Amino acid sequence: MKTGAILYVAGESALDETVDAGSIAKELGIAADRVEMVSATRGYEDVIDAWWMLLTRGMKRVVCFMVSSMDGKHFKLVSQPLRLCG
């Protein structure tokens, strides 16, 4: 079963240009076949859009993580994973 992950970046700090969803997930130890990012400055604007993209790409299990960053380069998990279904 393919797993997708959504990283919801809390806050409005600007993300570093070199940062992408895959590198954040790797840094945090999140294993997924495909990773999408939701943030105020980059990526999708809301979780529903990212969720839909993962579903249309064949992901059967989608998990959402809330992460935060103070400098736009380093991230930490701030919540337990939330499995999305529907």
Protein backbone atom coordinates (compact mmCIF):
# COMPACT_ATOMS: atom_id res chain seq x y z
CA MET A 1 0.00 0.00 0.00
CA LYS A 2 1.45 3.35 -1.02
CA THR A 3 1.73 5.96 1.70
CA GLY A 4 1.58 9.71 1.23
CA ALA A 5 2.52 12.35 3.77
CA ILE A 6 1.42 15.95 4.12
CA LEU A 7 3.68 18.31 6.03
CA TYR A 8 1.71 21.25 7.39
CA VAL A 9 4.26 23.96 8.16
CA ALA A 10 2.90 26.13 10.99
CA GLY A 11 3.76 29.81 11.11
CA GLU A 12 4.45 32.35 8.45
CA SER A 13 8.25 32.43 8.40
CA ALA A 14 9.72 32.31 4.91
CA LEU A 15 11.09 28.91 3.94
CA ASP A 16 14.59 28.60 2.55
CA GLU A 17 14.61 28.19 -1.25
CA THR A 18 16.59 24.93 -1.05
CA VAL A 19 14.05 23.25 1.24
CA ASP A 20 11.50 20.89 -0.28
CA ALA A 21 8.95 18.50 1.22
CA GLY A 22 11.10 15.43 0.60
CA SER A 23 14.11 16.86 2.43
CA ILE A 24 11.99 17.91 5.42
CA ALA A 25 10.44 14.45 5.65
CA LYS A 26 13.88 12.82 5.47
CA GLU A 27 15.22 15.13 8.20
CA LEU A 28 12.28 14.21 10.45
CA GLY A 29 12.45 10.48 9.73
CA ILE A 30 9.08 10.32 7.98
CA ALA A 31 8.86 7.44 5.52
CA ALA A 32 6.43 7.94 2.62
CA ASP A 33 6.23 7.20 -1.08
CA ARG A 34 5.26 10.80 -1.85
CA VAL A 35 5.36 13.93 0.30
CA GLU A 36 3.51 17.22 -0.18
CA MET A 37 3.87 20.45 1.78
CA VAL A 38 1.27 22.96 2.97
CA SER A 39 2.54 26.36 4.10
CA ALA A 40 1.72 30.05 3.98
CA THR A 41 4.59 30.82 1.61
CA ARG A 42 5.20 27.68 -0.52
CA GLY A 43 3.52 24.46 -1.52
CA TYR A 44 -0.23 24.01 -1.29
CA GLU A 45 -2.46 26.51 0.47
CA ASP A 46 -4.54 23.97 2.38
CA VAL A 47 -4.50 20.34 3.43
CA ILE A 48 -7.43 19.37 1.20
CA ASP A 49 -5.54 20.31 -1.99
CA ALA A 50 -2.47 18.31 -0.93
CA TRP A 51 -4.65 15.38 0.14
CA TRP A 52 -6.44 15.35 -3.21
CA MET A 53 -3.10 15.42 -5.08
CA LEU A 54 -1.86 12.42 -3.11
CA LEU A 55 -5.09 10.48 -3.68
CA THR A 56 -4.95 11.12 -7.43
CA ARG A 57 -1.33 9.92 -7.47
CA GLY A 58 -2.38 6.52 -6.08
CA MET A 59 -1.64 6.94 -2.37
CA LYS A 60 -3.97 4.68 -0.36
CA ARG A 61 -2.84 5.84 3.09
CA VAL A 62 -2.34 9.57 3.75
CA VAL A 63 -0.88 10.91 6.98
CA CYS A 64 -0.62 14.58 7.97
CA PHE A 65 2.13 15.98 10.22
CA MET A 66 2.31 19.47 11.70
CA VAL A 67 5.85 20.84 11.70
CA SER A 68 7.36 24.16 12.70
CA SER A 69 10.46 26.11 11.79
CA MET A 70 12.01 29.20 13.28
CA ASP A 71 14.62 29.82 10.59
CA GLY A 72 13.09 28.26 7.46
CA LYS A 73 15.82 25.60 7.25
CA HIS A 74 15.43 23.34 10.28
CA PHE A 75 12.16 21.69 11.25
CA LYS A 76 10.61 19.83 14.17
CA LEU A 77 7.42 17.83 14.62
CA VAL A 78 4.84 19.57 16.81
CA SER A 79 2.02 17.01 16.70
CA GLN A 80 1.26 13.33 16.42
CA PRO A 81 0.52 12.05 12.91
CA LEU A 82 -3.09 12.38 11.80
CA ARG A 83 -4.35 9.77 9.34
CA LEU A 84 -6.69 11.21 6.75
CA CYS A 85 -9.36 8.98 5.27
CA GLY A 86 -12.40 9.35 3.11
